[in-house]
């Protein structure tokens, strides 16, 4: 089951990568 989730700059992604680019807004991945 897939759910959307919010990440911010420097948050770790579920695949082990790190969010390097963010423009001050929450990004939605689904």
Protein backbone atom coordinates (compact mmCIF):
# COMPACT_ATOMS: atom_id res chain seq x y z
CA UNK A 1 0.00 0.00 0.00
CA UNK A 2 1.41 3.34 -1.02
CA UNK A 3 0.77 6.55 0.87
CA UNK A 4 1.93 10.07 0.22
CA UNK A 5 4.39 11.58 2.62
CA UNK A 6 6.00 14.95 3.19
CA UNK A 7 9.72 15.56 3.23
CA UNK A 8 11.85 18.61 3.82
CA UNK A 9 15.38 19.62 2.95
CA UNK A 10 17.91 17.29 4.59
CA UNK A 11 15.27 14.70 5.42
CA UNK A 12 16.20 11.12 4.57
CA UNK A 13 14.16 9.48 1.83
CA UNK A 14 12.83 5.95 2.09
CA UNK A 15 15.42 4.74 -0.43
CA UNK A 16 18.28 6.02 1.70
CA UNK A 17 18.95 9.18 -0.27
CA UNK A 18 19.02 12.62 1.25
CA UNK A 19 16.99 15.60 0.09
CA UNK A 20 19.53 18.11 -1.15
CA UNK A 21 17.31 20.59 -2.93
CA UNK A 22 14.33 22.31 -1.39
CA UNK A 23 13.00 25.79 -1.85
CA UNK A 24 11.49 26.25 1.58
CA UNK A 25 8.30 24.40 0.74
CA UNK A 26 7.21 20.94 1.75
CA UNK A 27 7.40 18.57 -1.17
CA UNK A 28 4.74 15.93 -1.67
CA UNK A 29 5.67 12.49 -2.95
CA UNK A 30 3.08 9.85 -3.64
